[in-house]
Amino acid sequence: MRQQGTTADMIHKIVPLIAYMSRFFTLKAGDVILTGTPEGVGPLHSGDELEVGFNGLALTTRVL
Protein backbone atom coordinates (compact mmCIF):
# COMPACT_ATOMS: atom_id res chain seq x y z
CA MET A 1 0.00 0.00 0.00
CA ARG A 2 1.40 3.35 -1.01
CA GLN A 3 -1.02 5.73 0.70
CA GLN A 4 -3.70 5.48 3.34
CA GLY A 5 -5.36 8.24 5.30
CA THR A 6 -8.54 9.38 7.00
CA THR A 7 -10.18 12.74 7.63
CA ALA A 8 -8.58 12.63 11.11
CA ASP A 9 -5.18 13.04 9.40
CA MET A 10 -6.18 16.25 7.62
CA ILE A 11 -4.61 19.61 8.47
CA HIS A 12 -7.97 21.37 8.04
CA LYS A 13 -10.88 19.53 9.66
CA ILE A 14 -13.67 18.38 7.36
CA VAL A 15 -16.70 20.09 9.00
CA PRO A 16 -15.28 23.65 8.78
CA LEU A 17 -14.08 22.87 5.25
CA ILE A 18 -17.59 21.84 4.17
CA ALA A 19 -19.09 24.90 5.90
CA TYR A 20 -16.64 27.17 4.06
CA MET A 21 -17.29 25.52 0.69
CA SER A 22 -21.05 25.71 1.14
CA ARG A 23 -20.77 29.51 1.25
CA PHE A 24 -19.73 29.43 -2.43
CA PHE A 25 -21.27 26.21 -3.81
CA THR A 26 -24.59 24.44 -3.39
CA LEU A 27 -23.61 21.00 -2.08
CA LYS A 28 -25.99 18.16 -2.85
CA ALA A 29 -26.25 14.55 -1.68
CA GLY A 30 -23.67 12.47 -3.52
CA ASP A 31 -21.24 15.35 -4.14
CA VAL A 32 -17.60 14.36 -3.71
CA ILE A 33 -15.13 16.78 -2.15
CA LEU A 34 -11.53 16.02 -3.07
CA THR A 35 -9.07 17.38 -0.51
CA GLY A 36 -5.66 16.18 -1.66
CA THR A 37 -3.51 13.21 -0.76
CA PRO A 38 -1.98 11.77 2.42
CA GLU A 39 1.76 11.20 2.87
CA GLY A 40 3.56 8.93 0.44
CA VAL A 41 2.48 10.52 -2.83
CA GLY A 42 4.04 9.01 -5.92
CA PRO A 43 3.30 8.33 -9.57
CA LEU A 44 0.79 5.70 -10.66
CA HIS A 45 1.83 3.10 -13.20
CA SER A 46 0.01 0.79 -15.59
CA GLY A 47 -1.28 -2.19 -13.60
CA ASP A 48 -1.46 -0.30 -10.28
CA GLU A 49 -4.68 -0.81 -8.32
CA LEU A 50 -6.65 2.15 -6.99
CA GLU A 51 -9.14 1.50 -4.19
CA VAL A 52 -11.48 4.12 -2.74
CA GLY A 53 -13.34 3.35 0.46
CA PHE A 54 -15.44 4.76 3.25
CA ASN A 55 -15.46 3.50 6.86
CA GLY A 56 -13.49 0.40 5.92
CA LEU A 57 -15.82 -0.50 3.05
CA ALA A 58 -14.32 -0.57 -0.46
CA LEU A 59 -16.53 1.55 -2.71
CA THR A 60 -14.62 0.95 -5.92
CA THR A 61 -11.41 -0.67 -7.11
CA ARG A 62 -9.81 0.03 -10.48
CA VAL A 63 -6.70 -1.31 -12.18
CA LEU A 64 -4.92 1.35 -14.21
C-alpha atoms as a PDB file:
ATOM      1  CA  MET A   1       0.000   0.000   0.000  1.00  0.00           C
ATOM      2  CA  ARG A   2       1.402   3.352  -1.008  1.00  0.00           C
ATOM      3  CA  GLN A   3      -1.023   5.727   0.702  1.00  0.00           C
ATOM      4  CA  GLN A   4      -3.699   5.485   3.335  1.00  0.00           C
ATOM      5  CA  GLY A   5      -5.363   8.239   5.304  1.00  0.00           C
ATOM      6  CA  THR A   6      -8.545   9.378   7.000  1.00  0.00           C
ATOM      7  CA  THR A   7     -10.176  12.739   7.635  1.00  0.00           C
ATOM      8  CA  ALA A   8      -8.579  12.628  11.114  1.00  0.00           C
ATOM      9  CA  ASP A   9      -5.180  13.037   9.400  1.00  0.00           C
ATOM     10  CA  MET A  10      -6.183  16.246   7.620  1.00  0.00           C
ATOM     11  CA  ILE A  11      -4.610  19.612   8.475  1.00  0.00           C
ATOM     12  CA  HIS A  12      -7.972  21.365   8.039  1.00  0.00           C
ATOM     13  CA  LYS A  13     -10.885  19.534   9.660  1.00  0.00           C
ATOM     14  CA  ILE A  14     -13.673  18.382   7.363  1.00  0.00           C
ATOM     15  CA  VAL A  15     -16.700  20.091   8.998  1.00  0.00           C
ATOM     16  CA  PRO A  16     -15.283  23.651   8.783  1.00  0.00           C
ATOM     17  CA  LEU A  17     -14.082  22.875   5.248  1.00  0.00           C
ATOM     18  CA  ILE A  18     -17.588  21.841   4.171  1.00  0.00           C
ATOM     19  CA  ALA A  19     -19.089  24.896   5.896  1.00  0.00           C
ATOM     20  CA  TYR A  20     -16.644  27.166   4.060  1.00  0.00           C
ATOM     21  CA  MET A  21     -17.286  25.520   0.689  1.00  0.00           C
ATOM     22  CA  SER A  22     -21.055  25.713   1.140  1.00  0.00           C
ATOM     23  CA  ARG A  23     -20.765  29.510   1.248  1.00  0.00           C
ATOM     24  CA  PHE A  24     -19.727  29.430  -2.428  1.00  0.00           C
ATOM     25  CA  PHE A  25     -21.275  26.213  -3.806  1.00  0.00           C
ATOM     26  CA  THR A  26     -24.588  24.441  -3.387  1.00  0.00           C
ATOM     27  CA  LEU A  27     -23.615  21.005  -2.076  1.00  0.00           C
ATOM     28  CA  LYS A  28     -25.994  18.162  -2.845  1.00  0.00           C
ATOM     29  CA  ALA A  29     -26.251  14.548  -1.683  1.00  0.00           C
ATOM     30  CA  GLY A  30     -23.674  12.475  -3.518  1.00  0.00           C
ATOM     31  CA  ASP A  31     -21.244  15.350  -4.139  1.00  0.00           C
ATOM     32  CA  VAL A  32     -17.604  14.357  -3.711  1.00  0.00           C
ATOM     33  CA  ILE A  33     -15.128  16.780  -2.151  1.00  0.00           C
ATOM     34  CA  LEU A  34     -11.532  16.022  -3.069  1.00  0.00           C
ATOM     35  CA  THR A  35      -9.071  17.377  -0.507  1.00  0.00           C
ATOM     36  CA  GLY A  36      -5.658  16.176  -1.659  1.00  0.00           C
ATOM     37  CA  THR A  37      -3.510  13.207  -0.762  1.00  0.00           C
ATOM     38  CA  PRO A  38      -1.985  11.769   2.417  1.00  0.00           C
ATOM     39  CA  GLU A  39       1.763  11.199   2.871  1.00  0.00           C
ATOM     40  CA  GLY A  40       3.560   8.934   0.438  1.00  0.00           C
ATOM     41  CA  VAL A  41       2.477  10.519  -2.826  1.00  0.00           C
ATOM     42  CA  GLY A  42       4.044   9.008  -5.918  1.00  0.00           C
ATOM     43  CA  PRO A  43       3.303   8.328  -9.566  1.00  0.00           C
ATOM     44  CA  LEU A  44       0.793   5.697 -10.656  1.00  0.00           C
ATOM     45  CA  HIS A  45       1.828   3.102 -13.199  1.00  0.00           C
ATOM     46  CA  SER A  46       0.006   0.789 -15.591  1.00  0.00           C
ATOM     47  CA  GLY A  47      -1.280  -2.188 -13.605  1.00  0.00           C
ATOM     48  CA  ASP A  48      -1.458  -0.302 -10.277  1.00  0.00           C
ATOM     49  CA  GLU A  49      -4.677  -0.807  -8.322  1.00  0.00           C
ATOM     50  CA  LEU A  50      -6.649   2.154  -6.987  1.00  0.00           C
ATOM     51  CA  GLU A  51      -9.140   1.499  -4.188  1.00  0.00           C
ATOM     52  CA  VAL A  52     -11.475   4.123  -2.742  1.00  0.00           C
ATOM     53  CA  GLY A  53     -13.343   3.348   0.456  1.00  0.00           C
ATOM     54  CA  PHE A  54     -15.436   4.756   3.254  1.00  0.00           C
ATOM     55  CA  ASN A  55     -15.458   3.504   6.863  1.00  0.00           C
ATOM     56  CA  GLY A  56     -13.488   0.395   5.923  1.00  0.00           C
ATOM     57  CA  LEU A  57     -15.817  -0.502   3.047  1.00  0.00           C
ATOM     58  CA  ALA A  58     -14.316  -0.568  -0.458  1.00  0.00           C
ATOM     59  CA  LEU A  59     -16.525   1.552  -2.710  1.00  0.00           C
ATOM     60  CA  THR A  60     -14.617   0.949  -5.920  1.00  0.00           C
ATOM     61  CA  THR A  61     -11.410  -0.668  -7.108  1.00  0.00           C
ATOM     62  CA  ARG A  62      -9.814   0.027 -10.479  1.00  0.00           C
ATOM     63  CA  VAL A  63      -6.699  -1.309 -12.183  1.00  0.00           C
ATOM     64  CA  LEU A  64      -4.922   1.349 -14.205  1.00  0.00           C
END
